[in-house]
C-alpha atoms as a PDB file:
ATOM      1  CA  MET A   1      27.406 -17.017   1.999  1.00  0.00           C
ATOM      2  CA  SER A   2      26.663 -14.949  -1.102  1.00  0.00           C
ATOM      3  CA  GLU A   3      23.715 -17.214  -1.995  1.00  0.00           C
ATOM      4  CA  LEU A   4      22.296 -16.799   1.494  1.00  0.00           C
ATOM      5  CA  LEU A   5      22.576 -13.029   1.308  1.00  0.00           C
ATOM      6  CA  ASP A   6      20.949 -13.039  -2.126  1.00  0.00           C
ATOM      7  CA  ALA A   7      18.079 -15.107  -0.710  1.00  0.00           C
ATOM      8  CA  VAL A   8      17.668 -12.671   2.188  1.00  0.00           C
ATOM      9  CA  ASP A   9      17.679  -9.743  -0.236  1.00  0.00           C
ATOM     10  CA  ALA A  10      14.969 -11.467  -2.272  1.00  0.00           C
ATOM     11  CA  LEU A  11      12.852 -11.813   0.863  1.00  0.00           C
ATOM     12  CA  LEU A  12      13.341  -8.150   1.680  1.00  0.00           C
ATOM     13  CA  ALA A  13      12.318  -7.156  -1.833  1.00  0.00           C
ATOM     14  CA  ARG A  14       8.998  -9.003  -1.638  1.00  0.00           C
ATOM     15  CA  PRO A  15       6.051  -6.648  -1.915  1.00  0.00           C
ATOM     16  CA  ASP A  16       4.041  -8.492   0.749  1.00  0.00           C
ATOM     17  CA  ILE A  17       4.871  -5.890   3.357  1.00  0.00           C
ATOM     18  CA  MET A  18       2.319  -3.136   3.080  1.00  0.00           C
ATOM     19  CA  PRO A  19       1.932   0.004   5.140  1.00  0.00           C
ATOM     20  CA  PRO A  20      -0.843  -0.086   7.732  1.00  0.00           C
ATOM     21  CA  PRO A  21      -4.368   0.486   6.383  1.00  0.00           C
ATOM     22  CA  ASP A  22      -4.669   4.041   7.736  1.00  0.00           C
ATOM     23  CA  ILE A  23      -1.524   5.021   5.851  1.00  0.00           C
ATOM     24  CA  ARG A  24      -2.733   3.324   2.640  1.00  0.00           C
ATOM     25  CA  ALA A  25      -5.877   5.448   2.700  1.00  0.00           C
ATOM     26  CA  ARG A  26      -3.977   8.652   3.523  1.00  0.00           C
ATOM     27  CA  LEU A  27      -1.584   8.062   0.629  1.00  0.00           C
ATOM     28  CA  ARG A  28      -4.442   7.585  -1.817  1.00  0.00           C
ATOM     29  CA  LYS A  29      -6.259  10.645  -0.510  1.00  0.00           C
ATOM     30  CA  ALA A  30      -3.054  12.718  -0.610  1.00  0.00           C
ATOM     31  CA  ASP A  31      -2.928  12.005  -4.337  1.00  0.00           C
ATOM     32  CA  GLY A  32      -6.548  13.116  -4.690  1.00  0.00           C
ATOM     33  CA  LEU A  33      -7.881   9.766  -5.877  1.00  0.00           C
ATOM     34  CA  THR A  34     -11.045   7.909  -4.947  1.00  0.00           C
ATOM     35  CA  GLN A  35     -11.292   4.209  -4.266  1.00  0.00           C
ATOM     36  CA  ASP A  36     -13.357   3.901  -7.456  1.00  0.00           C
ATOM     37  CA  GLU A  37     -10.586   5.452  -9.561  1.00  0.00           C
ATOM     38  CA  VAL A  38      -7.897   3.159  -8.195  1.00  0.00           C
ATOM     39  CA  ALA A  39     -10.138   0.089  -8.389  1.00  0.00           C
ATOM     40  CA  GLU A  40     -10.807   0.823 -12.053  1.00  0.00           C
ATOM     41  CA  VAL A  41      -7.076   0.865 -12.830  1.00  0.00           C
ATOM     42  CA  PHE A  42      -6.656  -2.511 -11.131  1.00  0.00           C
ATOM     43  CA  GLY A  43      -9.740  -3.952 -12.801  1.00  0.00           C
ATOM     44  CA  VAL A  44     -11.439  -4.769  -9.496  1.00  0.00           C
ATOM     45  CA  THR A  45     -14.568  -3.525  -7.790  1.00  0.00           C
ATOM     46  CA  ARG A  46     -14.481  -0.628  -5.370  1.00  0.00           C
ATOM     47  CA  VAL A  47     -15.484  -3.062  -2.633  1.00  0.00           C
ATOM     48  CA  ALA A  48     -12.500  -5.303  -3.409  1.00  0.00           C
ATOM     49  CA  PHE A  49     -10.148  -2.329  -3.363  1.00  0.00           C
ATOM     50  CA  HIS A  50     -11.708  -1.068  -0.137  1.00  0.00           C
ATOM     51  CA  ARG A  51     -10.935  -4.441   1.440  1.00  0.00           C
ATOM     52  CA  TRP A  52      -7.271  -4.172   0.327  1.00  0.00           C
ATOM     53  CA  GLU A  53      -6.999  -0.659   1.663  1.00  0.00           C
ATOM     54  CA  THR A  54      -8.544  -1.495   5.036  1.00  0.00           C
ATOM     55  CA  GLY A  55      -6.526  -4.691   5.447  1.00  0.00           C
ATOM     56  CA  GLN A  56      -9.591  -6.939   5.344  1.00  0.00           C
ATOM     57  CA  ALA A  57      -8.195  -8.753   2.300  1.00  0.00           C
ATOM     58  CA  LYS A  58      -4.865  -9.113   0.576  1.00  0.00           C
ATOM     59  CA  PRO A  59      -4.545  -8.567  -3.179  1.00  0.00           C
ATOM     60  CA  ARG A  60      -3.741 -11.618  -5.283  1.00  0.00           C
ATOM     61  CA  ARG A  61      -0.108 -11.929  -6.359  1.00  0.00           C
ATOM     62  CA  ARG A  62      -0.616 -10.209  -9.737  1.00  0.00           C
ATOM     63  CA  HIS A  63      -2.211  -7.204  -8.037  1.00  0.00           C
ATOM     64  CA  LEU A  64      -0.040  -7.260  -4.924  1.00  0.00           C
ATOM     65  CA  GLU A  65       3.170  -6.224  -6.654  1.00  0.00           C
ATOM     66  CA  ALA A  66       1.440  -3.431  -8.547  1.00  0.00           C
ATOM     67  CA  TYR A  67      -0.374  -2.179  -5.441  1.00  0.00           C
ATOM     68  CA  ALA A  68       2.847  -2.206  -3.426  1.00  0.00           C
ATOM     69  CA  ARG A  69       4.528  -0.254  -6.224  1.00  0.00           C
ATOM     70  CA  LEU A  70       1.695   2.274  -6.229  1.00  0.00           C
ATOM     71  CA  LEU A  71       1.885   2.686  -2.438  1.00  0.00           C
ATOM     72  CA  ASN A  72       5.661   3.148  -2.601  1.00  0.00           C
ATOM     73  CA  GLY A  73       5.269   5.727  -5.365  1.00  0.00           C
ATOM     74  CA  TRP A  74       2.698   7.632  -3.355  1.00  0.00           C
ATOM     75  CA  ALA A  75       4.916   7.466  -0.261  1.00  0.00           C
ATOM     76  CA  THR A  76       7.759   9.015  -2.257  1.00  0.00           C
ATOM     77  CA  LYS A  77       5.454  11.664  -3.687  1.00  0.00           C
ATOM     78  CA  HIS A  78       3.700  12.408  -0.377  1.00  0.00           C
ATOM     79  CA  PRO A  79       6.162  11.615   2.442  1.00  0.00           C
ATOM     80  CA  GLU A  80       4.059  13.349   5.106  1.00  0.00           C
ATOM     81  CA  ALA A  81       1.092  11.081   4.361  1.00  0.00           C
ATOM     82  CA  ALA A  82       3.351   8.028   4.736  1.00  0.00           C
ATOM     83  CA  LYS A  83       4.277   8.862   8.319  1.00  0.00           C
ATOM     84  CA  PRO A  84       2.303   7.328  11.195  1.00  0.00           C
ATOM     85  CA  LEU A  85       0.140   9.840  13.006  1.00  0.00           C
ATOM     86  CA  LYS A  86       1.193  10.957  16.464  1.00  0.00           C
ATOM     87  CA  PRO A  87      -1.332  10.095  19.198  1.00  0.00           C
ATOM     88  CA  THR A  88      -2.453  13.755  19.328  1.00  0.00           C
ATOM     89  CA  GLN A  89      -3.140  13.725  15.571  1.00  0.00           C
ATOM     90  CA  GLN A  90      -5.314  10.607  15.529  1.00  0.00           C
ATOM     91  CA  ALA A  91      -9.024  10.995  15.112  1.00  0.00           C
ATOM     92  CA  GLY A  92     -10.888  10.359  18.318  1.00  0.00           C
END
């Protein structure tokens, strides 16, 4: 049973689960960064990063873990930006 629980924990720890695209963008903006600045750190084009942020593409494994870590760090630093918007707060 312990092996099964360890395997489940490993699945839960996978960085493949990302916040929705609107939250990804809010987190970045809450930290005052542009897509260009973040793309430069990851060594990708702004267009590639834009596609990650909007959910049009998924980062490759080597970038995925780092991007998930960055998003989690921003969420800790800016908890309000990590919350889903209420229907009255959404842009119309």
